[in-house]
Protein backbone atom coordinates (compact mmCIF):
# COMPACT_ATOMS: atom_id res chain seq x y z
CA UNK A 1 -80.67 173.99 -86.66
CA UNK A 2 -77.28 173.73 -85.21
CA UNK A 3 -74.68 176.59 -85.71
CA UNK A 4 -71.01 175.09 -86.46
CA UNK A 5 -68.34 176.27 -83.96
CA UNK A 6 -65.92 178.62 -85.44
CA UNK A 7 -63.03 176.48 -87.45
CA UNK A 8 -65.40 173.16 -88.07
CA UNK A 9 -65.32 171.55 -91.14
CA UNK A 10 -68.22 172.44 -94.06
CA UNK A 11 -69.09 171.69 -97.05
CA UNK A 12 -72.24 173.21 -99.27
CA UNK A 13 -74.22 170.64 -101.98
CA UNK A 14 -76.68 171.75 -104.03
CA UNK A 15 -78.59 170.08 -106.63
CA UNK A 16 -80.74 171.14 -110.04
CA UNK A 17 -83.20 173.68 -109.56
CA UNK A 18 -86.72 173.13 -109.04
CA UNK A 19 -89.63 175.19 -110.57
CA UNK A 20 -92.42 175.16 -108.72
CA UNK A 21 -95.63 175.98 -110.94
CA UNK A 22 -98.23 178.12 -109.66
CA UNK A 23 -100.83 175.87 -109.60
CA UNK A 24 -99.15 172.85 -108.31
CA UNK A 25 -100.33 170.87 -105.54
CA UNK A 26 -98.50 171.91 -102.19
CA UNK A 27 -97.88 169.04 -100.80
CA UNK A 28 -96.50 167.33 -103.50
CA UNK A 29 -94.06 170.11 -104.29
CA UNK A 30 -93.07 169.89 -100.63
CA UNK A 31 -92.20 166.42 -100.54
CA UNK A 32 -89.96 166.42 -103.72
CA UNK A 33 -88.25 169.48 -102.20
CA UNK A 34 -88.13 167.67 -99.22
CA UNK A 35 -86.62 164.69 -100.83
CA UNK A 36 -84.00 166.40 -103.04
CA UNK A 37 -83.07 168.29 -99.57
CA UNK A 38 -82.63 165.01 -97.55
CA UNK A 39 -81.28 163.21 -100.60
CA UNK A 40 -78.19 165.97 -100.76
CA UNK A 41 -77.60 165.80 -96.39
CA UNK A 42 -77.30 161.60 -97.31
CA UNK A 43 -74.57 161.98 -99.44
CA UNK A 44 -72.65 164.83 -97.69
CA UNK A 45 -72.95 162.51 -94.36
CA UNK A 46 -72.27 159.13 -96.53
CA UNK A 47 -69.36 160.94 -98.80
CA UNK A 48 -68.44 164.10 -96.34
CA UNK A 49 -64.18 162.66 -96.12
CA UNK A 50 -63.90 162.62 -100.01
CA UNK A 51 -65.81 165.36 -100.68
CA UNK A 52 -63.80 167.16 -98.31
CA UNK A 53 -60.46 165.52 -99.47
CA UNK A 54 -58.10 168.37 -101.49
CA UNK A 55 -59.17 167.18 -104.65
CA UNK A 56 -62.93 168.22 -104.38
CA UNK A 57 -62.31 171.58 -102.68
CA UNK A 58 -59.88 172.75 -105.34
CA UNK A 59 -62.08 171.40 -108.12
CA UNK A 60 -64.88 173.69 -106.64
CA UNK A 61 -62.67 176.58 -105.40
CA UNK A 62 -63.18 180.42 -107.76
CA UNK A 63 -60.23 180.73 -109.70
CA UNK A 64 -60.08 184.17 -109.20
């Protein structure tokens, strides 16, 4: 894991919740979670500049 330097740019993406059944096959669900995380990482890498733009940040800002 890489710890970002102070004042570096960062975004946080999240997907829909993944509910893992108690009787689910561990390897199958591990792969699903890993695939979902990798897809979010790929999206962040591919669209960082767009996601970081003022419009994207203001749309997700807490209105309080």
